[in-house]
């Protein structure tokens, strides 16, 4: 196990009716908030009005900015930064899923940065300050309500990039499972794939003697799969929603990643898919992760076999562990299909002729190789994409 420092300062308020705490929690950080959200669901459900009443009762004024899209765009971030500076905003409140929270993080960081906020996402500059940020989560998936990271798409270049800093952890996150009852099955499934991928990016490591976080990761993955299948049949099962919601936060707060080298190459490859084709992030990950594991087999078969045995109950073939590993990958793909996820380029309308272009973009600002499990060259990245075409 590697040395590490870990701190998760976010306060979590979990359970029914917790959204009504938003006003008092924002008041601890200022007297004027940016209310940031996505499309019409928070309006139609009455959640946005409830949040406004909570802010008003706490004496917090607000300005609002809706319109966040999946794979949040830099154009709306720029608009939010200008709005907040003009209005003298003290605190940012994100009401939505990962895209809304990531956009809110970018705005909160951009307000405090003298240059172009994209400098932080292209890693040309380091974040030194950020406006306080709070979250009301409506879509468990990205884990941004607990994480130190954000992903934004530069619309003109179709370039999707991340920024991470401990400053980006929200001051508070409100998690009411009831707010997720009306999520469509596709969004629920995408969310569960995303949070599983957050665990797997940490799980597939070369660091030895990390049994504690291995076992924690395996338990989280098994729980996500169990409750995802329940939600496909009964979307208003409170306990299933609650377990999935908390799993998403645990998956990406980094408690599962401490003391071990992490990979993240699959996420980087998927970012090029969703940046180019605007595919849902979870759907893209369902396509890319089995392909990534297939490519890794000749290099890291024992770790993939362990995943197969402990997460999917595959019997270990000690003479030919690659058989065990392949069966685990097959069961992972079968699980994705069971919950309605794609597993190939064709199903997300991705094009094989774009592979070389995407492989090159993967390495922009990332050096000569991608990831750490078995580091991928540009040629190998293209090979992983080709496996995803099958």
Protein backbone atom coordinates (compact mmCIF):
# COMPACT_ATOMS: atom_id res chain seq x y z
CA UNK A 1 0.00 0.00 0.00
CA UNK A 2 1.20 3.53 -0.86
CA UNK A 3 1.36 6.45 1.58
CA UNK A 4 -1.62 8.78 1.33
CA UNK A 5 -3.44 11.79 2.78
CA UNK A 6 -7.22 11.65 2.68
CA UNK A 7 -9.82 14.24 3.71
CA UNK A 8 -13.46 14.40 2.68
CA UNK A 9 -14.76 17.63 4.21
CA UNK A 10 -18.18 17.58 2.53
CA UNK A 11 -21.12 17.45 4.92
CA UNK A 12 -23.73 14.97 3.69
CA UNK A 13 -27.42 15.35 4.56
CA UNK A 14 -29.06 12.07 3.54
CA UNK A 15 -32.73 11.13 3.62
CA UNK A 16 -36.29 12.29 3.10
CA UNK A 17 -37.06 16.04 2.96
CA UNK A 18 -33.39 17.02 3.28
CA UNK A 19 -33.79 19.45 0.36
CA UNK A 20 -35.51 21.86 2.72
CA UNK A 21 -32.20 22.42 4.53
CA UNK A 22 -30.71 24.15 1.47
CA UNK A 23 -31.48 27.71 2.51
CA UNK A 24 -29.99 27.48 6.00
CA UNK A 25 -26.92 25.70 4.65
CA UNK A 26 -26.33 28.33 1.97
CA UNK A 27 -26.80 31.12 4.53
CA UNK A 28 -23.68 29.93 6.33
CA UNK A 29 -21.63 30.99 3.27
CA UNK A 30 -23.26 34.23 2.11
CA UNK A 31 -26.37 36.21 1.35
CA UNK A 32 -26.67 35.65 -2.39
CA UNK A 33 -26.62 32.35 -4.28
CA UNK A 34 -26.40 31.20 -7.86
CA UNK A 35 -29.12 28.58 -8.35
CA UNK A 36 -27.76 26.35 -11.12
CA UNK A 37 -29.76 23.56 -12.74
CA UNK A 38 -30.43 21.67 -15.95
CA UNK A 39 -33.65 21.13 -17.84
CA UNK A 40 -37.30 21.08 -16.92
CA UNK A 41 -37.46 18.16 -14.48
CA UNK A 42 -36.54 20.17 -11.39
CA UNK A 43 -39.17 22.73 -12.41
CA UNK A 44 -41.94 20.24 -13.22
CA UNK A 45 -41.33 18.29 -10.00
CA UNK A 46 -41.65 21.42 -7.88
CA UNK A 47 -38.16 20.95 -6.47
CA UNK A 48 -36.86 24.27 -7.76
CA UNK A 49 -39.72 26.19 -6.17
CA UNK A 50 -39.15 24.35 -2.88
CA UNK A 51 -35.48 25.31 -2.95
CA UNK A 52 -36.35 28.94 -3.65
CA UNK A 53 -38.72 29.00 -0.68
CA UNK A 54 -35.98 27.53 1.49
CA UNK A 55 -33.51 30.20 0.36
CA UNK A 56 -36.06 32.94 0.92
CA UNK A 57 -36.90 31.76 4.43
CA UNK A 58 -33.18 31.79 5.27
CA UNK A 59 -32.74 35.33 3.97
CA UNK A 60 -30.65 34.28 0.98
CA UNK A 61 -31.25 36.09 -2.31
CA UNK A 62 -30.57 34.25 -5.55
CA UNK A 63 -30.03 34.51 -9.27
CA UNK A 64 -30.64 31.47 -11.42
CA UNK A 65 -29.07 29.86 -14.44
CA UNK A 66 -30.61 26.78 -15.99
CA UNK A 67 -29.94 24.96 -19.21
CA UNK A 68 -27.09 22.61 -18.26
CA UNK A 69 -26.88 19.78 -20.79
CA UNK A 70 -25.39 16.31 -20.38
CA UNK A 71 -21.65 16.65 -21.01
CA UNK A 72 -21.78 20.26 -19.70
CA UNK A 73 -20.56 22.97 -22.07
CA UNK A 74 -17.97 25.68 -21.53
CA UNK A 75 -20.32 28.23 -23.11
CA UNK A 76 -22.77 28.04 -20.20
CA UNK A 77 -19.88 28.12 -17.71
CA UNK A 78 -18.70 31.42 -19.19
CA UNK A 79 -22.25 32.77 -18.93
CA UNK A 80 -22.44 31.70 -15.30
CA UNK A 81 -19.11 33.32 -14.41
CA UNK A 82 -20.22 36.62 -15.94
CA UNK A 83 -23.58 36.44 -14.17
CA UNK A 84 -22.04 35.70 -10.76
CA UNK A 85 -19.48 38.49 -11.03
CA UNK A 86 -22.13 40.97 -12.11
CA UNK A 87 -24.55 39.98 -9.34
CA UNK A 88 -22.02 39.61 -6.50
CA UNK A 89 -22.83 35.95 -5.79
CA UNK A 90 -21.40 34.47 -2.56
CA UNK A 91 -22.27 30.77 -2.93
CA UNK A 92 -23.19 28.40 -5.77
CA UNK A 93 -26.01 25.88 -5.30
CA UNK A 94 -26.21 23.07 -7.88
CA UNK A 95 -29.58 21.31 -8.19
CA UNK A 96 -29.25 18.28 -10.45
CA UNK A 97 -26.93 15.45 -11.42
CA UNK A 98 -23.27 15.24 -12.28
CA UNK A 99 -23.42 17.55 -15.30
CA UNK A 100 -25.03 20.33 -13.27
CA UNK A 101 -22.60 19.86 -10.40
CA UNK A 102 -19.57 19.79 -12.71
CA UNK A 103 -20.77 22.96 -14.43
CA UNK A 104 -21.33 24.60 -11.04
CA UNK A 105 -17.82 23.66 -9.94
CA UNK A 106 -16.38 25.22 -13.09
CA UNK A 107 -18.33 28.43 -12.47
CA UNK A 108 -17.30 28.55 -8.80
CA UNK A 109 -13.65 28.10 -9.81
CA UNK A 110 -13.85 30.52 -12.73
CA UNK A 111 -15.19 33.33 -10.57
CA UNK A 112 -12.04 33.21 -8.48
CA UNK A 113 -9.60 32.84 -11.39
CA UNK A 114 -8.31 35.95 -13.18
CA UNK A 115 -7.84 34.26 -16.56
CA UNK A 116 -9.85 31.90 -18.73
CA UNK A 117 -11.34 29.12 -16.58
CA UNK A 118 -10.40 26.64 -19.33
CA UNK A 119 -6.76 27.09 -18.27
CA UNK A 120 -7.67 24.99 -15.22
CA UNK A 121 -9.16 22.20 -17.37
CA UNK A 122 -6.30 22.18 -19.88
CA UNK A 123 -3.91 22.03 -16.92
CA UNK A 124 -2.17 25.26 -17.86
CA UNK A 125 -2.94 26.73 -14.44
CA UNK A 126 -3.50 25.49 -10.89
CA UNK A 127 -6.60 26.34 -8.89
CA UNK A 128 -5.94 28.46 -5.79
CA UNK A 129 -9.45 29.50 -4.74
CA UNK A 130 -13.10 28.69 -5.40
CA UNK A 131 -16.49 30.03 -4.35
CA UNK A 132 -18.32 27.87 -1.77
CA UNK A 133 -20.44 25.22 -3.44
CA UNK A 134 -23.48 23.24 -2.27
CA UNK A 135 -25.36 20.42 -3.98
CA UNK A 136 -28.87 18.96 -4.11
CA UNK A 137 -28.43 15.67 -5.97
CA UNK A 138 -31.17 14.44 -8.30
CA UNK A 139 -29.27 11.86 -10.38
CA UNK A 140 -26.83 9.43 -8.72
CA UNK A 141 -24.05 8.68 -11.19
CA UNK A 142 -21.01 10.91 -11.48
CA UNK A 143 -20.29 11.14 -7.75
CA UNK A 144 -19.49 14.83 -8.22
CA UNK A 145 -21.47 15.59 -5.05
CA UNK A 146 -18.59 13.94 -3.15
CA UNK A 147 -15.59 14.27 -5.43
CA UNK A 148 -12.74 16.70 -5.98
CA UNK A 149 -13.21 16.78 -9.76
CA UNK A 150 -15.27 18.20 -12.61
CA UNK A 151 -15.54 17.45 -16.35
CA UNK A 152 -16.53 20.07 -18.94
CA UNK A 153 -16.73 20.00 -22.75
CA UNK A 154 -15.17 22.76 -24.85
CA UNK A 155 -17.97 23.00 -27.37
CA UNK A 156 -16.09 24.53 -30.31
CA UNK A 157 -13.42 21.80 -30.25
CA UNK A 158 -15.61 18.89 -29.06
CA UNK A 159 -12.96 18.46 -26.37
CA UNK A 160 -13.98 16.97 -23.03
CA UNK A 161 -11.52 17.56 -20.18
CA UNK A 162 -11.35 17.22 -16.39
CA UNK A 163 -10.06 19.38 -13.59
CA UNK A 164 -9.39 18.09 -10.10
CA UNK A 165 -8.55 19.94 -6.92
CA UNK A 166 -9.42 19.39 -3.28
CA UNK A 167 -10.93 22.88 -3.40
CA UNK A 168 -13.68 21.46 -5.64
CA UNK A 169 -15.23 19.29 -2.94
CA UNK A 170 -18.69 20.68 -2.11
CA UNK A 171 -19.21 22.25 1.29
CA UNK A 172 -22.44 20.30 1.64
CA UNK A 173 -24.38 17.73 -0.37
CA UNK A 174 -28.08 17.00 0.08
CA UNK A 175 -29.10 13.45 -0.90
CA UNK A 176 -32.80 12.56 -0.82
CA UNK A 177 -33.45 9.22 -2.59
CA UNK A 178 -37.09 10.19 -3.17
CA UNK A 179 -35.92 12.87 -5.62
CA UNK A 180 -34.74 10.07 -7.93
CA UNK A 181 -38.00 8.07 -8.08
CA UNK A 182 -38.99 9.52 -11.47
CA UNK A 183 -35.67 8.89 -13.22
CA UNK A 184 -36.15 6.95 -16.47
CA UNK A 185 -34.59 3.46 -16.55
CA UNK A 186 -31.95 4.53 -19.07
CA UNK A 187 -30.69 7.34 -16.83
CA UNK A 188 -30.72 5.08 -13.79
CA UNK A 189 -28.73 2.44 -15.66
CA UNK A 190 -26.24 4.99 -17.01
CA UNK A 191 -25.70 6.23 -13.48
CA UNK A 192 -25.04 2.76 -12.12
CA UNK A 193 -22.53 2.04 -14.90
CA UNK A 194 -20.75 5.32 -14.20
CA UNK A 195 -20.38 4.69 -10.48
CA UNK A 196 -19.18 1.12 -11.11
CA UNK A 197 -16.60 2.52 -13.51
CA UNK A 198 -15.39 4.93 -10.83
CA UNK A 199 -14.71 1.94 -8.62
CA UNK A 200 -13.06 -0.07 -11.41
CA UNK A 201 -10.71 2.76 -12.36
CA UNK A 202 -9.33 2.45 -8.85
CA UNK A 203 -9.63 -1.33 -8.57
CA UNK A 204 -7.48 -2.17 -11.60
CA UNK A 205 -4.15 -1.24 -10.06
CA UNK A 206 -0.59 -2.54 -9.92
CA UNK A 207 -0.19 -1.58 -6.25
CA UNK A 208 0.22 -4.69 -4.07
CA UNK A 209 -1.28 -5.36 -0.63
CA UNK A 210 -4.41 -3.21 -0.92
CA UNK A 211 -6.81 -5.84 0.41
CA UNK A 212 -8.90 -3.42 2.50
CA UNK A 213 -9.81 -1.18 -0.42
CA UNK A 214 -10.08 -4.21 -2.73
CA UNK A 215 -12.74 -5.73 -0.50
CA UNK A 216 -14.55 -2.42 -0.06
CA UNK A 217 -14.55 -1.91 -3.83
CA UNK A 218 -15.84 -5.42 -4.53
CA UNK A 219 -18.68 -4.94 -2.04
CA UNK A 220 -19.69 -1.60 -3.56
CA UNK A 221 -19.71 -3.06 -7.08
CA UNK A 222 -21.84 -6.03 -6.04
CA UNK A 223 -24.30 -3.75 -4.24
CA UNK A 224 -24.62 -1.43 -7.25
CA UNK A 225 -25.41 -4.36 -9.54
CA UNK A 226 -27.92 -5.83 -7.12
CA UNK A 227 -29.91 -2.64 -6.64
CA UNK A 228 -29.66 -1.52 -10.27
CA UNK A 229 -31.54 -4.65 -11.31
CA UNK A 230 -34.19 -4.02 -8.66
CA UNK A 231 -34.69 -0.46 -9.92
CA UNK A 232 -35.21 -1.62 -13.49
CA UNK A 233 -38.39 -3.34 -12.20
CA UNK A 234 -39.41 -1.07 -9.33
CA UNK A 235 -38.13 2.52 -9.73
CA UNK A 236 -39.80 3.69 -6.50
CA UNK A 237 -38.10 1.17 -4.21
CA UNK A 238 -36.76 3.58 -1.58
CA UNK A 239 -34.11 1.26 -0.17
CA UNK A 240 -32.77 0.44 -3.64
CA UNK A 241 -32.64 4.14 -4.52
CA UNK A 242 -30.96 4.91 -1.20
CA UNK A 243 -28.28 2.26 -1.62
CA UNK A 244 -27.54 3.33 -5.18
CA UNK A 245 -27.39 7.00 -4.22
CA UNK A 246 -24.94 6.42 -1.39
CA UNK A 247 -22.89 3.99 -3.48
CA UNK A 248 -22.37 6.73 -6.07
CA UNK A 249 -20.96 9.07 -3.44
CA UNK A 250 -18.71 6.43 -1.89
CA UNK A 251 -17.50 5.33 -5.33
CA UNK A 252 -16.02 8.72 -6.18
CA UNK A 253 -15.12 10.45 -2.90
CA UNK A 254 -11.81 8.53 -3.24
CA UNK A 255 -12.02 6.50 -0.03
CA UNK A 256 -11.71 3.47 -2.33
CA UNK A 257 -8.67 4.91 -4.09
CA UNK A 258 -6.37 5.74 -1.22
CA UNK A 259 -3.02 3.97 -1.00
CA UNK A 260 -3.12 2.67 -4.55
CA UNK A 261 -2.18 3.80 -8.04
CA UNK A 262 -5.30 4.50 -10.11
CA UNK A 263 -5.79 4.09 -13.86
CA UNK A 264 -8.51 6.31 -15.46
CA UNK A 265 -7.59 5.49 -19.06
CA UNK A 266 -11.10 4.13 -19.75
CA UNK A 267 -12.65 7.39 -18.64
CA UNK A 268 -10.27 9.36 -20.86
CA UNK A 269 -11.14 7.18 -23.86
CA UNK A 270 -14.85 7.53 -23.14
CA UNK A 271 -14.52 11.31 -22.88
CA UNK A 272 -13.51 11.35 -26.54
CA UNK A 273 -16.61 9.30 -27.42
CA UNK A 274 -19.01 11.57 -25.56
CA UNK A 275 -17.16 14.69 -26.70
CA UNK A 276 -17.44 13.70 -30.35
CA UNK A 277 -20.83 11.95 -30.42
CA UNK A 278 -22.53 13.47 -27.34
CA UNK A 279 -23.28 9.96 -26.08
CA UNK A 280 -24.39 9.55 -22.45
CA UNK A 281 -21.29 9.06 -20.31
CA UNK A 282 -22.52 5.87 -18.65
CA UNK A 283 -23.48 4.36 -22.00
CA UNK A 284 -20.02 5.15 -23.37
CA UNK A 285 -18.38 3.53 -20.36
CA UNK A 286 -20.45 0.38 -20.85
CA UNK A 287 -18.96 0.16 -24.33
CA UNK A 288 -15.38 0.95 -23.32
CA UNK A 289 -14.76 -0.95 -20.08
CA UNK A 290 -15.15 -4.51 -21.43
CA UNK A 291 -12.91 -3.56 -24.38
CA UNK A 292 -10.31 -2.14 -22.00
CA UNK A 293 -10.29 -5.31 -19.89
CA UNK A 294 -10.00 -7.55 -22.94
CA UNK A 295 -6.95 -5.62 -24.08
CA UNK A 296 -5.38 -5.76 -20.61
CA UNK A 297 -5.62 -9.56 -20.31
CA UNK A 298 -2.14 -10.46 -21.67
CA UNK A 299 -0.55 -7.96 -19.28
CA UNK A 300 -2.64 -8.12 -16.09
CA UNK A 301 -4.59 -11.39 -16.17
CA UNK A 302 -4.42 -12.15 -12.43
CA UNK A 303 -6.07 -8.88 -11.40
CA UNK A 304 -8.85 -9.29 -13.98
CA UNK A 305 -9.34 -12.89 -12.85
CA UNK A 306 -9.61 -11.72 -9.23
CA UNK A 307 -12.32 -9.27 -10.34
CA UNK A 308 -14.16 -12.14 -12.07
CA UNK A 309 -14.01 -14.38 -9.00
CA UNK A 310 -14.88 -11.84 -6.33
CA UNK A 311 -17.42 -9.67 -8.15
CA UNK A 312 -19.08 -12.18 -10.52
CA UNK A 313 -18.55 -15.47 -8.62
CA UNK A 314 -16.61 -17.09 -11.46
CA UNK A 315 -14.78 -20.27 -10.41
CA UNK A 316 -11.02 -19.79 -10.55
CA UNK A 317 -9.17 -21.78 -13.21
CA UNK A 318 -5.69 -21.89 -11.66
CA UNK A 319 -4.14 -23.57 -14.70
CA UNK A 320 -5.58 -21.07 -17.18
CA UNK A 321 -6.61 -17.89 -15.31
CA UNK A 322 -7.31 -16.15 -18.61
CA UNK A 323 -10.42 -18.33 -18.91
CA UNK A 324 -11.63 -17.03 -15.56
CA UNK A 325 -10.88 -13.44 -16.57
CA UNK A 326 -12.68 -13.76 -19.90
CA UNK A 327 -15.75 -15.21 -18.21
CA UNK A 328 -15.77 -12.27 -15.81
CA UNK A 329 -15.69 -9.83 -18.74
CA UNK A 330 -18.48 -11.79 -20.43
CA UNK A 331 -20.61 -11.51 -17.28
CA UNK A 332 -19.87 -7.78 -17.02
CA UNK A 333 -21.12 -7.30 -20.59
CA UNK A 334 -24.17 -9.46 -19.85
CA UNK A 335 -24.96 -7.31 -16.80
CA UNK A 336 -24.72 -4.14 -18.89
CA UNK A 337 -27.11 -5.61 -21.46
CA UNK A 338 -29.49 -6.78 -18.71
CA UNK A 339 -29.97 -3.20 -17.53
CA UNK A 340 -30.36 -1.88 -21.08
CA UNK A 341 -26.86 -0.57 -21.78
CA UNK A 342 -24.96 -0.73 -25.09
CA UNK A 343 -21.72 -2.72 -25.38
CA UNK A 344 -20.46 -1.81 -28.86
CA UNK A 345 -19.65 1.17 -31.07
CA UNK A 346 -22.57 0.34 -33.35
CA UNK A 347 -25.11 0.74 -30.54
CA UNK A 348 -23.98 4.31 -29.78
CA UNK A 349 -23.52 5.26 -33.46
CA UNK A 350 -19.76 5.66 -33.06
CA UNK A 351 -17.66 5.27 -36.20
CA UNK A 352 -14.62 3.08 -36.67
CA UNK A 353 -13.13 5.64 -39.06
CA UNK A 354 -12.87 8.14 -36.18
CA UNK A 355 -10.68 5.86 -34.04
CA UNK A 356 -7.30 7.34 -34.98
CA UNK A 357 -8.62 10.86 -34.43
CA UNK A 358 -9.92 9.98 -30.96
CA UNK A 359 -6.76 8.08 -30.04
CA UNK A 360 -4.68 11.15 -30.80
CA UNK A 361 -6.96 13.42 -28.76
CA UNK A 362 -6.71 11.06 -25.77
CA UNK A 363 -3.04 11.95 -25.37
CA UNK A 364 -3.46 15.73 -25.57
CA UNK A 365 -2.06 17.09 -22.28
CA UNK A 366 -1.59 13.48 -21.08
CA UNK A 367 1.96 12.67 -22.22
CA UNK A 368 2.99 9.71 -24.36
CA UNK A 369 0.83 7.07 -22.66
CA UNK A 370 -2.57 6.84 -21.01
CA UNK A 371 -3.29 5.24 -17.64
CA UNK A 372 -1.16 3.15 -15.29
CA UNK A 373 -2.56 -0.40 -15.15
CA UNK A 374 -0.83 -1.24 -18.41
CA UNK A 375 -0.05 2.22 -19.86
CA UNK A 376 -1.51 2.61 -23.34
CA UNK A 377 0.32 4.13 -26.28
CA UNK A 378 -1.60 5.84 -29.07
CA UNK A 379 -1.50 2.62 -31.09
CA UNK A 380 -2.82 0.62 -28.13
CA UNK A 381 -5.59 3.13 -27.45
CA UNK A 382 -6.72 2.62 -31.04
CA UNK A 383 -6.68 -1.14 -30.47
CA UNK A 384 -8.96 -0.77 -27.44
CA UNK A 385 -11.37 1.32 -29.52
CA UNK A 386 -11.32 -1.40 -32.19
CA UNK A 387 -12.20 -4.04 -29.59
CA UNK A 388 -15.19 -1.87 -28.70
CA UNK A 389 -16.36 -2.11 -32.31
CA UNK A 390 -16.87 -5.86 -32.05
